[in-house]
Amino acid sequence: MRVRENYLPPTTALGRSDRRLGILLVLPVVFFMLVLVAYPLVNLITLSVQNYNMLSQKSRFVGLTNFIRVLSGGDFWQSLLRTLIYSLGSLIPCSVLGTLFAVLLNKDIPGRSFVRSFVIFPYIMPMVVTCAIFRYMLNDLVGILDHYAVVLGLAPRTLNLFGRYDLAMPGVIAVSVWKYSPMIMIAVLGKLQTISGDYYEAAQVDGANQWQQFWHITFPFILPPLIVVMLMRFIFLFNKWDIIYMLTGGGPLNATATLPMVLYSEAFSSYNLGKAAAIGVMMFVILLICSRFYYKLNEVAEKRL
C-alpha cells in the first residue's frame, strides 16, 4: 500500500505569503525612517538653496549662493579642521584604550566582575556631571588636579586647561577619551567572549606567543565589530558638541569651536538658516564619504576571517 506524502502548499504561494508578511513587518520601520530621516534631510537640502527670513517667514531661491559663501569663508575650513582634530583625536585613543581594557578584562583575573563594573562607570555618568567635575578639578584656582600638577613638578605653573588657547582642545579630547573609552571596551569585550578557546589551544601547540595569538586570532575576530563601533563613534563625535559647550563654550578665541557649533551660531544667533543648512548638507556629505571608507575597511577585515 502506497503511503501518501504530507501535502505542502505550492512554493510560489508560500513565497507570496512570506513576502506579504515581510512587507507588513517592514512598513512601520519604513514609515518612521521617512518621517524621521527622509523628510528632515529633504527639508535641509531645500533650505540650503534658499534665503529664508525668520521674521517674515518668507524664502527666496538663491541656488548655490549659500554653499559658495560657506566655502569661500575661512571659518568653515578652520572649524572643519578643529572638528576632525577633535573627532579623530578622541576616536583613536578611545579605540586603543577600549581594546586594551577589553583584552585585559577578558582574562581570568581576581575581581574581574568588580573591575568590569568599575571601568564602565565613566560611560554611565551623566555628561553634565562629568563636565562639572572636570571643570572643578582642572580649575586654575581651586582645582585639585591643577594644584598637584604644579606641586609634583609636572607643570611650571597652573595649567588653566580649559582657558588656554593651546591646551583647550587637548583638554576636551582627554575628557572625551575618559568618558567614551568604556563604550568601545564593552563592544570588543562582547566579541572576545564569543571566540572559541580551541583557536588559542591550537596556537599554543604550534608555539605561538601572546602577541602572535593576539595578532593572528584575536585581532581578526574583533576588527569587524571594532570598525562598526568606531564608525558610530566618529559620527557621534563629528555631530555632537555638548561636551565642548559645557567645558569651554567653544573658546577660548574659538579654539574648540567645531562645525556643529558654527552651524548652531549661524542658525540661532545670526538667524541665517540658509547658510546653516548649507553647512549641515556639507557635514552630511563628509560623513557619507567617511562611512564609505569605513565600509571598505570592514570588507577587508571580514576577508581576514
C-alpha atoms as a PDB file:
ATOM      1  CA  MET A   1       0.000   0.000   0.000  1.00  0.00           C
ATOM      2  CA  ARG A   2       1.377   3.375  -1.000  1.00  0.00           C
ATOM      3  CA  VAL A   3       1.624   5.917   1.777  1.00  0.00           C
ATOM      4  CA  ARG A   4       0.611   9.382   0.712  1.00  0.00           C
ATOM      5  CA  GLU A   5       3.223  12.043   1.461  1.00  0.00           C
ATOM      6  CA  ASN A   6       2.306  15.038   3.593  1.00  0.00           C
ATOM      7  CA  TYR A   7       0.848  17.763   1.469  1.00  0.00           C
ATOM      8  CA  LEU A   8       2.795  21.008   1.248  1.00  0.00           C
ATOM      9  CA  PRO A   9       1.375  24.180  -0.264  1.00  0.00           C
ATOM     10  CA  PRO A  10       2.938  25.330  -3.504  1.00  0.00           C
ATOM     11  CA  THR A  11       6.230  27.100  -3.084  1.00  0.00           C
ATOM     12  CA  THR A  12       5.001  30.098  -5.009  1.00  0.00           C
ATOM     13  CA  ALA A  13       2.002  30.588  -2.721  1.00  0.00           C
ATOM     14  CA  LEU A  14       4.174  30.186   0.362  1.00  0.00           C
ATOM     15  CA  GLY A  15       6.675  32.661  -1.051  1.00  0.00           C
ATOM     16  CA  ARG A  16       3.956  35.239  -1.762  1.00  0.00           C
ATOM     17  CA  SER A  17       2.617  34.843   1.765  1.00  0.00           C
ATOM     18  CA  ASP A  18       6.088  35.326   3.245  1.00  0.00           C
ATOM     19  CA  ARG A  19       6.687  38.391   1.107  1.00  0.00           C
ATOM     20  CA  ARG A  20       3.392  39.960   2.207  1.00  0.00           C
ATOM     21  CA  LEU A  21       4.235  39.253   5.847  1.00  0.00           C
ATOM     22  CA  GLY A  22       7.717  40.700   5.370  1.00  0.00           C
ATOM     23  CA  ILE A  23       6.315  43.862   3.792  1.00  0.00           C
ATOM     24  CA  LEU A  24       3.829  44.309   6.640  1.00  0.00           C
ATOM     25  CA  LEU A  25       6.580  43.916   9.220  1.00  0.00           C
ATOM     26  CA  VAL A  26       8.888  46.379   7.454  1.00  0.00           C
ATOM     27  CA  LEU A  27       6.237  49.052   6.788  1.00  0.00           C
ATOM     28  CA  PRO A  28       6.379  50.629  10.288  1.00  0.00           C
ATOM     29  CA  VAL A  29      10.167  50.931  10.045  1.00  0.00           C
ATOM     30  CA  VAL A  30       9.916  52.464   6.564  1.00  0.00           C
ATOM     31  CA  PHE A  31       7.301  54.921   7.802  1.00  0.00           C
ATOM     32  CA  PHE A  32       9.401  56.081  10.729  1.00  0.00           C
ATOM     33  CA  MET A  33      12.506  56.321   8.531  1.00  0.00           C
ATOM     34  CA  LEU A  34      10.605  58.539   6.085  1.00  0.00           C
ATOM     35  CA  VAL A  35       9.286  60.745   8.872  1.00  0.00           C
ATOM     36  CA  LEU A  36      12.443  60.946  10.987  1.00  0.00           C
ATOM     37  CA  VAL A  37      15.183  60.786   8.327  1.00  0.00           C
ATOM     38  CA  ALA A  38      13.991  61.383   4.764  1.00  0.00           C
ATOM     39  CA  TYR A  39      11.745  64.391   5.423  1.00  0.00           C
ATOM     40  CA  PRO A  40      14.277  66.323   7.556  1.00  0.00           C
ATOM     41  CA  LEU A  41      17.019  65.598   5.007  1.00  0.00           C
ATOM     42  CA  VAL A  42      14.910  66.819   2.077  1.00  0.00           C
ATOM     43  CA  ASN A  43      13.881  69.875   4.088  1.00  0.00           C
ATOM     44  CA  LEU A  44      17.543  70.589   4.920  1.00  0.00           C
ATOM     45  CA  ILE A  45      18.610  70.385   1.273  1.00  0.00           C
ATOM     46  CA  THR A  46      15.678  72.591   0.222  1.00  0.00           C
ATOM     47  CA  LEU A  47      16.527  75.180   2.858  1.00  0.00           C
ATOM     48  CA  SER A  48      20.204  75.213   1.859  1.00  0.00           C
ATOM     49  CA  VAL A  49      19.386  76.676  -1.580  1.00  0.00           C
ATOM     50  CA  GLN A  50      17.110  79.367  -0.189  1.00  0.00           C
ATOM     51  CA  ASN A  51      17.444  82.627   1.687  1.00  0.00           C
ATOM     52  CA  TYR A  52      14.925  82.238   4.493  1.00  0.00           C
ATOM     53  CA  ASN A  53      13.819  85.194   6.632  1.00  0.00           C
ATOM     54  CA  MET A  54      12.713  84.007  10.062  1.00  0.00           C
ATOM     55  CA  LEU A  55      10.862  87.236  10.855  1.00  0.00           C
ATOM     56  CA  SER A  56       8.705  87.390   7.734  1.00  0.00           C
ATOM     57  CA  GLN A  57       8.882  83.595   7.196  1.00  0.00           C
ATOM     58  CA  LYS A  58       9.482  84.197   3.504  1.00  0.00           C
ATOM     59  CA  SER A  59      12.074  82.422   1.420  1.00  0.00           C
ATOM     60  CA  ARG A  60      13.824  83.232  -1.827  1.00  0.00           C
ATOM     61  CA  PHE A  61      15.654  80.753  -4.061  1.00  0.00           C
ATOM     62  CA  VAL A  62      19.366  81.595  -4.264  1.00  0.00           C
ATOM     63  CA  GLY A  63      20.792  78.392  -5.748  1.00  0.00           C
ATOM     64  CA  LEU A  64      24.334  77.584  -4.623  1.00  0.00           C
ATOM     65  CA  THR A  65      24.973  81.003  -3.112  1.00  0.00           C
ATOM     66  CA  ASN A  66      24.904  79.708   0.461  1.00  0.00           C
ATOM     67  CA  PHE A  67      27.408  76.977  -0.370  1.00  0.00           C
ATOM     68  CA  ILE A  68      29.723  79.459  -2.096  1.00  0.00           C
ATOM     69  CA  ARG A  69      29.559  81.796   0.902  1.00  0.00           C
ATOM     70  CA  VAL A  70      30.384  78.950   3.283  1.00  0.00           C
ATOM     71  CA  LEU A  71      33.246  77.509   1.229  1.00  0.00           C
ATOM     72  CA  SER A  72      34.783  80.900   0.470  1.00  0.00           C
ATOM     73  CA  GLY A  73      34.945  81.828   4.153  1.00  0.00           C
ATOM     74  CA  GLY A  74      37.815  80.798   6.380  1.00  0.00           C
ATOM     75  CA  ASP A  75      35.585  79.970   9.340  1.00  0.00           C
ATOM     76  CA  PHE A  76      34.247  76.811   7.704  1.00  0.00           C
ATOM     77  CA  TRP A  77      37.653  75.323   6.927  1.00  0.00           C
ATOM     78  CA  GLN A  78      39.083  76.201  10.340  1.00  0.00           C
ATOM     79  CA  SER A  79      36.034  74.725  12.054  1.00  0.00           C
ATOM     80  CA  LEU A  80      36.241  71.609   9.881  1.00  0.00           C
ATOM     81  CA  LEU A  81      39.894  71.158  10.862  1.00  0.00           C
ATOM     82  CA  ARG A  82      39.025  71.556  14.549  1.00  0.00           C
ATOM     83  CA  THR A  83      36.171  69.069  14.139  1.00  0.00           C
ATOM     84  CA  LEU A  84      38.469  66.470  12.578  1.00  0.00           C
ATOM     85  CA  ILE A  85      41.102  67.045  15.251  1.00  0.00           C
ATOM     86  CA  TYR A  86      38.516  66.581  17.979  1.00  0.00           C
ATOM     87  CA  SER A  87      36.858  63.561  16.323  1.00  0.00           C
ATOM     88  CA  LEU A  88      39.994  61.646  15.371  1.00  0.00           C
ATOM     89  CA  GLY A  89      41.890  62.796  18.447  1.00  0.00           C
ATOM     90  CA  SER A  90      39.158  61.270  20.603  1.00  0.00           C
ATOM     91  CA  LEU A  91      38.394  58.246  18.445  1.00  0.00           C
ATOM     92  CA  ILE A  92      41.893  56.775  18.126  1.00  0.00           C
ATOM     93  CA  PRO A  93      42.799  56.816  21.853  1.00  0.00           C
ATOM     94  CA  CYS A  94      39.290  55.567  22.712  1.00  0.00           C
ATOM     95  CA  SER A  95      39.720  52.625  20.350  1.00  0.00           C
ATOM     96  CA  VAL A  96      43.214  51.747  21.597  1.00  0.00           C
ATOM     97  CA  LEU A  97      42.339  52.033  25.297  1.00  0.00           C
ATOM     98  CA  GLY A  98      38.965  50.322  24.876  1.00  0.00           C
ATOM     99  CA  THR A  99      40.562  47.381  23.076  1.00  0.00           C
ATOM    100  CA  LEU A 100      43.371  47.151  25.623  1.00  0.00           C
ATOM    101  CA  PHE A 101      40.986  47.135  28.592  1.00  0.00           C
ATOM    102  CA  ALA A 102      38.752  44.575  26.855  1.00  0.00           C
ATOM    103  CA  VAL A 103      41.664  42.189  26.277  1.00  0.00           C
ATOM    104  CA  LEU A 104      42.840  42.560  29.889  1.00  0.00           C
ATOM    105  CA  LEU A 105      39.367  42.121  31.374  1.00  0.00           C
ATOM    106  CA  ASN A 106      38.732  39.066  29.217  1.00  0.00           C
ATOM    107  CA  LYS A 107      41.451  37.239  31.106  1.00  0.00           C
ATOM    108  CA  ASP A 108      40.799  35.319  34.312  1.00  0.00           C
ATOM    109  CA  ILE A 109      41.977  37.870  36.880  1.00  0.00           C
ATOM    110  CA  PRO A 110      40.913  38.279  40.529  1.00  0.00           C
ATOM    111  CA  GLY A 111      37.894  40.559  40.962  1.00  0.00           C
ATOM    112  CA  ARG A 112      37.188  40.639  37.245  1.00  0.00           C
ATOM    113  CA  SER A 113      33.445  41.327  37.666  1.00  0.00           C
ATOM    114  CA  PHE A 114      34.101  44.240  40.030  1.00  0.00           C
ATOM    115  CA  VAL A 115      36.734  45.723  37.734  1.00  0.00           C
ATOM    116  CA  ARG A 116      34.388  45.476  34.744  1.00  0.00           C
ATOM    117  CA  SER A 117      31.669  47.304  36.647  1.00  0.00           C
ATOM    118  CA  PHE A 118      34.131  49.965  37.807  1.00  0.00           C
ATOM    119  CA  VAL A 119      35.618  50.563  34.348  1.00  0.00           C
ATOM    120  CA  ILE A 120      32.235  51.309  32.729  1.00  0.00           C
ATOM    121  CA  PHE A 121      31.464  53.899  35.412  1.00  0.00           C
ATOM    122  CA  PRO A 122      32.626  56.889  33.268  1.00  0.00           C
ATOM    123  CA  TYR A 123      30.283  55.883  30.447  1.00  0.00           C
ATOM    124  CA  ILE A 124      27.174  55.722  32.631  1.00  0.00           C
ATOM    125  CA  MET A 125      27.923  59.005  34.395  1.00  0.00           C
ATOM    126  CA  PRO A 126      25.720  61.876  33.103  1.00  0.00           C
ATOM    127  CA  MET A 127      27.527  64.258  30.776  1.00  0.00           C
ATOM    128  CA  VAL A 128      26.645  67.324  32.842  1.00  0.00           C
ATOM    129  CA  VAL A 129      28.126  65.741  35.963  1.00  0.00           C
ATOM    130  CA  THR A 130      31.272  64.684  34.098  1.00  0.00           C
ATOM    131  CA  CYS A 131      31.914  68.162  32.711  1.00  0.00           C
ATOM    132  CA  ALA A 132      31.184  69.832  36.062  1.00  0.00           C
ATOM    133  CA  ILE A 133      33.655  67.546  37.873  1.00  0.00           C
ATOM    134  CA  PHE A 134      36.456  68.075  35.357  1.00  0.00           C
ATOM    135  CA  ARG A 135      35.912  71.834  35.219  1.00  0.00           C
ATOM    136  CA  TYR A 136      36.225  71.938  39.001  1.00  0.00           C
ATOM    137  CA  MET A 137      39.243  69.600  39.269  1.00  0.00           C
ATOM    138  CA  LEU A 138      41.119  71.439  36.496  1.00  0.00           C
ATOM    139  CA  ASN A 139      40.244  74.944  37.642  1.00  0.00           C
ATOM    140  CA  ASP A 140      43.371  77.111  37.938  1.00  0.00           C
ATOM    141  CA  LEU A 141      42.325  78.467  41.357  1.00  0.00           C
ATOM    142  CA  VAL A 142      40.686  75.588  43.262  1.00  0.00           C
ATOM    143  CA  GLY A 143      41.252  72.555  41.032  1.00  0.00           C
ATOM    144  CA  ILE A 144      42.949  69.623  42.762  1.00  0.00           C
ATOM    145  CA  LEU A 145      44.454  68.191  39.563  1.00  0.00           C
ATOM    146  CA  ASP A 146      45.763  71.577  38.545  1.00  0.00           C
ATOM    147  CA  HIS A 147      47.243  72.070  42.025  1.00  0.00           C
ATOM    148  CA  TYR A 148      49.065  68.728  42.154  1.00  0.00           C
ATOM    149  CA  ALA A 149      50.378  69.168  38.619  1.00  0.00           C
ATOM    150  CA  VAL A 150      52.329  72.161  39.948  1.00  0.00           C
ATOM    151  CA  VAL A 151      53.259  70.521  43.270  1.00  0.00           C
ATOM    152  CA  LEU A 152      54.642  67.391  41.606  1.00  0.00           C
ATOM    153  CA  GLY A 153      56.559  69.435  39.061  1.00  0.00           C
ATOM    154  CA  LEU A 154      54.524  68.272  36.085  1.00  0.00           C
ATOM    155  CA  ALA A 155      53.785  71.882  35.142  1.00  0.00           C
ATOM    156  CA  PRO A 156      55.766  75.059  35.924  1.00  0.00           C
ATOM    157  CA  ARG A 157      52.551  76.961  36.702  1.00  0.00           C
ATOM    158  CA  THR A 158      48.816  76.462  36.867  1.00  0.00           C
ATOM    159  CA  LEU A 159      47.564  74.889  33.673  1.00  0.00           C
ATOM    160  CA  ASN A 160      44.141  76.537  33.335  1.00  0.00           C
ATOM    161  CA  LEU A 161      43.487  73.728  30.876  1.00  0.00           C
ATOM    162  CA  PHE A 162      40.161  74.934  29.501  1.00  0.00           C
ATOM    163  CA  GLY A 163      41.140  78.598  29.500  1.00  0.00           C
ATOM    164  CA  ARG A 164      44.263  78.466  27.354  1.00  0.00           C
ATOM    165  CA  TYR A 165      44.173  78.563  23.573  1.00  0.00           C
ATOM    166  CA  ASP A 166      46.853  75.885  23.132  1.00  0.00           C
ATOM    167  CA  LEU A 167      45.508  73.493  25.786  1.00  0.00           C
ATOM    168  CA  ALA A 168      41.731  73.758  25.458  1.00  0.00           C
ATOM    169  CA  MET A 169      41.360  71.236  22.630  1.00  0.00           C
ATOM    170  CA  PRO A 170      43.694  68.607  24.203  1.00  0.00           C
ATOM    171  CA  GLY A 171      41.768  69.047  27.455  1.00  0.00           C
ATOM    172  CA  VAL A 172      38.415  68.467  25.776  1.00  0.00           C
ATOM    173  CA  ILE A 173      39.804  65.432  23.941  1.00  0.00           C
ATOM    174  CA  ALA A 174      41.149  63.985  27.204  1.00  0.00           C
ATOM    175  CA  VAL A 175      37.737  64.253  28.879  1.00  0.00           C
ATOM    176  CA  SER A 176      36.065  62.708  25.824  1.00  0.00           C
ATOM    177  CA  VAL A 177      38.501  59.771  25.868  1.00  0.00           C
ATOM    178  CA  TRP A 178      37.894  59.210  29.590  1.00  0.00           C
ATOM    179  CA  LYS A 179      34.140  59.316  29.026  1.00  0.00           C
ATOM    180  CA  TYR A 180      33.746  57.081  25.970  1.00  0.00           C
ATOM    181  CA  SER A 181      36.547  54.506  26.087  1.00  0.00           C
ATOM    182  CA  PRO A 182      34.297  52.117  28.079  1.00  0.00           C
ATOM    183  CA  MET A 183      31.792  52.107  25.200  1.00  0.00           C
ATOM    184  CA  ILE A 184      34.325  50.570  22.838  1.00  0.00           C
ATOM    185  CA  MET A 185      35.562  48.273  25.596  1.00  0.00           C
ATOM    186  CA  ILE A 186      32.060  46.821  26.053  1.00  0.00           C
ATOM    187  CA  ALA A 187      31.665  46.125  22.323  1.00  0.00           C
ATOM    188  CA  VAL A 188      35.099  44.494  21.985  1.00  0.00           C
ATOM    189  CA  LEU A 189      34.687  42.502  25.203  1.00  0.00           C
ATOM    190  CA  GLY A 190      31.401  41.076  23.962  1.00  0.00           C
ATOM    191  CA  LYS A 191      33.094  39.835  20.795  1.00  0.00           C
ATOM    192  CA  LEU A 192      36.077  38.430  22.696  1.00  0.00           C
ATOM    193  CA  GLN A 193      33.786  36.201  24.740  1.00  0.00           C
ATOM    194  CA  THR A 194      32.489  34.542  21.549  1.00  0.00           C
ATOM    195  CA  ILE A 195      35.948  33.410  20.348  1.00  0.00           C
ATOM    196  CA  SER A 196      36.430  29.694  20.890  1.00  0.00           C
ATOM    197  CA  GLY A 197      39.333  28.664  23.113  1.00  0.00           C
ATOM    198  CA  ASP A 198      40.239  25.961  20.614  1.00  0.00           C
ATOM    199  CA  TYR A 199      41.991  28.560  18.444  1.00  0.00           C
ATOM    200  CA  TYR A 200      44.292  29.574  21.281  1.00  0.00           C
ATOM    201  CA  GLU A 201      44.986  25.968  22.295  1.00  0.00           C
ATOM    202  CA  ALA A 202      45.997  25.129  18.734  1.00  0.00           C
ATOM    203  CA  ALA A 203      48.172  28.244  18.592  1.00  0.00           C
ATOM    204  CA  GLN A 204      49.905  27.310  21.836  1.00  0.00           C
ATOM    205  CA  VAL A 205      50.591  23.840  20.490  1.00  0.00           C
ATOM    206  CA  ASP A 206      52.208  25.456  17.444  1.00  0.00           C
ATOM    207  CA  GLY A 207      54.394  27.571  19.734  1.00  0.00           C
ATOM    208  CA  ALA A 208      52.722  30.970  19.182  1.00  0.00           C
ATOM    209  CA  ASN A 209      53.475  33.613  21.815  1.00  0.00           C
ATOM    210  CA  GLN A 210      50.939  36.051  23.325  1.00  0.00           C
ATOM    211  CA  TRP A 211      51.485  38.721  20.681  1.00  0.00           C
ATOM    212  CA  GLN A 212      51.155  36.253  17.794  1.00  0.00           C
ATOM    213  CA  GLN A 213      47.934  34.883  19.297  1.00  0.00           C
ATOM    214  CA  PHE A 214      46.522  38.388  19.552  1.00  0.00           C
ATOM    215  CA  TRP A 215      47.553  39.453  16.052  1.00  0.00           C
ATOM    216  CA  HIS A 216      46.501  36.294  14.196  1.00  0.00           C
ATOM    217  CA  ILE A 217      43.477  35.202  16.250  1.00  0.00           C
ATOM    218  CA  THR A 218      42.072  37.916  18.495  1.00  0.00           C
ATOM    219  CA  PHE A 219      42.535  40.935  16.272  1.00  0.00           C
ATOM    220  CA  PRO A 220      40.914  39.497  13.106  1.00  0.00           C
ATOM    221  CA  PHE A 221      37.841  38.490  15.136  1.00  0.00           C
ATOM    222  CA  ILE A 222      37.378  41.816  16.928  1.00  0.00           C
ATOM    223  CA  LEU A 223      38.219  44.020  13.925  1.00  0.00           C
ATOM    224  CA  PRO A 224      34.779  43.953  12.177  1.00  0.00           C
ATOM    225  CA  PRO A 225      32.764  44.978  15.274  1.00  0.00           C
ATOM    226  CA  LEU A 226      35.509  47.414  16.233  1.00  0.00           C
ATOM    227  CA  ILE A 227      35.230  49.144  12.850  1.00  0.00           C
ATOM    228  CA  VAL A 228      31.450  49.431  13.202  1.00  0.00           C
ATOM    229  CA  VAL A 229      31.744  50.903  16.698  1.00  0.00           C
ATOM    230  CA  MET A 230      34.447  53.301  15.501  1.00  0.00           C
ATOM    231  CA  LEU A 231      32.185  54.462  12.674  1.00  0.00           C
ATOM    232  CA  MET A 232      29.320  55.099  15.074  1.00  0.00           C
ATOM    233  CA  ARG A 233      31.676  56.860  17.483  1.00  0.00           C
ATOM    234  CA  PHE A 234      33.121  59.040  14.691  1.00  0.00           C
ATOM    235  CA  ILE A 235      29.656  60.103  13.528  1.00  0.00           C
ATOM    236  CA  PHE A 236      28.720  60.895  17.119  1.00  0.00           C
ATOM    237  CA  LEU A 237      31.877  62.935  17.737  1.00  0.00           C
ATOM    238  CA  PHE A 238      31.570  64.750  14.411  1.00  0.00           C
ATOM    239  CA  ASN A 239      27.985  65.835  15.125  1.00  0.00           C
ATOM    240  CA  LYS A 240      27.956  66.330  18.883  1.00  0.00           C
ATOM    241  CA  TRP A 241      29.220  69.370  20.739  1.00  0.00           C
ATOM    242  CA  ASP A 242      27.660  69.020  24.184  1.00  0.00           C
ATOM    243  CA  ILE A 243      30.924  68.162  25.926  1.00  0.00           C
ATOM    244  CA  ILE A 244      32.708  71.077  24.217  1.00  0.00           C
ATOM    245  CA  TYR A 245      29.928  73.514  25.042  1.00  0.00           C
ATOM    246  CA  MET A 246      29.881  72.572  28.727  1.00  0.00           C
ATOM    247  CA  LEU A 247      33.666  72.617  29.122  1.00  0.00           C
ATOM    248  CA  THR A 248      34.767  75.590  27.030  1.00  0.00           C
ATOM    249  CA  GLY A 249      31.740  77.024  25.220  1.00  0.00           C
ATOM    250  CA  GLY A 250      33.781  76.874  22.014  1.00  0.00           C
ATOM    251  CA  GLY A 251      36.527  79.099  23.396  1.00  0.00           C
ATOM    252  CA  PRO A 252      38.929  80.464  24.172  1.00  0.00           C
ATOM    253  CA  LEU A 253      39.033  82.508  20.948  1.00  0.00           C
ATOM    254  CA  ASN A 254      37.123  79.748  19.103  1.00  0.00           C
ATOM    255  CA  ALA A 255      39.919  77.246  19.824  1.00  0.00           C
ATOM    256  CA  THR A 256      37.328  74.480  20.308  1.00  0.00           C
ATOM    257  CA  ALA A 257      34.534  75.778  18.052  1.00  0.00           C
ATOM    258  CA  THR A 258      33.597  72.815  15.835  1.00  0.00           C
ATOM    259  CA  LEU A 259      31.270  72.699  12.830  1.00  0.00           C
ATOM    260  CA  PRO A 260      28.103  71.866  14.830  1.00  0.00           C
ATOM    261  CA  MET A 261      28.734  74.934  16.992  1.00  0.00           C
ATOM    262  CA  VAL A 262      29.229  77.121  13.908  1.00  0.00           C
ATOM    263  CA  LEU A 263      26.020  75.717  12.426  1.00  0.00           C
ATOM    264  CA  TYR A 264      24.120  76.484  15.619  1.00  0.00           C
ATOM    265  CA  SER A 265      25.532  80.005  15.749  1.00  0.00           C
ATOM    266  CA  GLU A 266      24.575  80.702  12.135  1.00  0.00           C
ATOM    267  CA  ALA A 267      21.043  79.385  12.656  1.00  0.00           C
ATOM    268  CA  PHE A 268      20.081  80.750  16.071  1.00  0.00           C
ATOM    269  CA  SER A 269      22.465  83.659  16.667  1.00  0.00           C
ATOM    270  CA  SER A 270      22.780  85.141  13.185  1.00  0.00           C
ATOM    271  CA  TYR A 271      19.384  83.757  12.039  1.00  0.00           C
ATOM    272  CA  ASN A 272      20.933  82.731   8.723  1.00  0.00           C
ATOM    273  CA  LEU A 273      19.105  79.456   8.228  1.00  0.00           C
ATOM    274  CA  GLY A 274      20.121  79.039   4.595  1.00  0.00           C
ATOM    275  CA  LYS A 275      23.828  79.213   5.393  1.00  0.00           C
ATOM    276  CA  ALA A 276      23.377  76.944   8.417  1.00  0.00           C
ATOM    277  CA  ALA A 277      21.528  74.423   6.245  1.00  0.00           C
ATOM    278  CA  ALA A 278      24.359  74.525   3.693  1.00  0.00           C
ATOM    279  CA  ILE A 279      26.842  73.681   6.471  1.00  0.00           C
ATOM    280  CA  GLY A 280      24.567  70.822   7.526  1.00  0.00           C
ATOM    281  CA  VAL A 281      24.449  69.427   3.986  1.00  0.00           C
ATOM    282  CA  MET A 282      28.237  69.522   3.690  1.00  0.00           C
ATOM    283  CA  MET A 283      28.584  67.774   7.044  1.00  0.00           C
ATOM    284  CA  PHE A 284      26.228  65.085   5.754  1.00  0.00           C
ATOM    285  CA  VAL A 285      28.313  64.627   2.598  1.00  0.00           C
ATOM    286  CA  ILE A 286      31.548  64.408   4.613  1.00  0.00           C
ATOM    287  CA  LEU A 287      30.050  61.722   6.851  1.00  0.00           C
ATOM    288  CA  LEU A 288      28.828  59.789   3.801  1.00  0.00           C
ATOM    289  CA  ILE A 289      32.365  59.734   2.410  1.00  0.00           C
ATOM    290  CA  CYS A 290      33.787  58.653   5.773  1.00  0.00           C
ATOM    291  CA  SER A 291      31.122  55.945   6.098  1.00  0.00           C
ATOM    292  CA  ARG A 292      32.043  54.574   2.688  1.00  0.00           C
ATOM    293  CA  PHE A 293      35.695  54.450   3.763  1.00  0.00           C
ATOM    294  CA  TYR A 294      34.784  52.564   6.928  1.00  0.00           C
ATOM    295  CA  TYR A 295      32.677  50.037   4.989  1.00  0.00           C
ATOM    296  CA  LYS A 296      35.637  49.346   2.722  1.00  0.00           C
ATOM    297  CA  LEU A 297      37.761  48.698   5.803  1.00  0.00           C
ATOM    298  CA  ASN A 298      35.061  46.394   7.129  1.00  0.00           C
ATOM    299  CA  GLU A 299      35.097  44.354   3.893  1.00  0.00           C
ATOM    300  CA  VAL A 300      38.860  43.949   4.175  1.00  0.00           C
ATOM    301  CA  ALA A 301      38.527  42.960   7.859  1.00  0.00           C
ATOM    302  CA  GLU A 302      35.906  40.313   7.110  1.00  0.00           C
ATOM    303  CA  LYS A 303      38.131  38.780   4.435  1.00  0.00           C
ATOM    304  CA  ARG A 304      40.805  38.173   7.074  1.00  0.00           C
ATOM    305  CA  LEU A 305      38.500  35.802   8.966  1.00  0.00           C
END
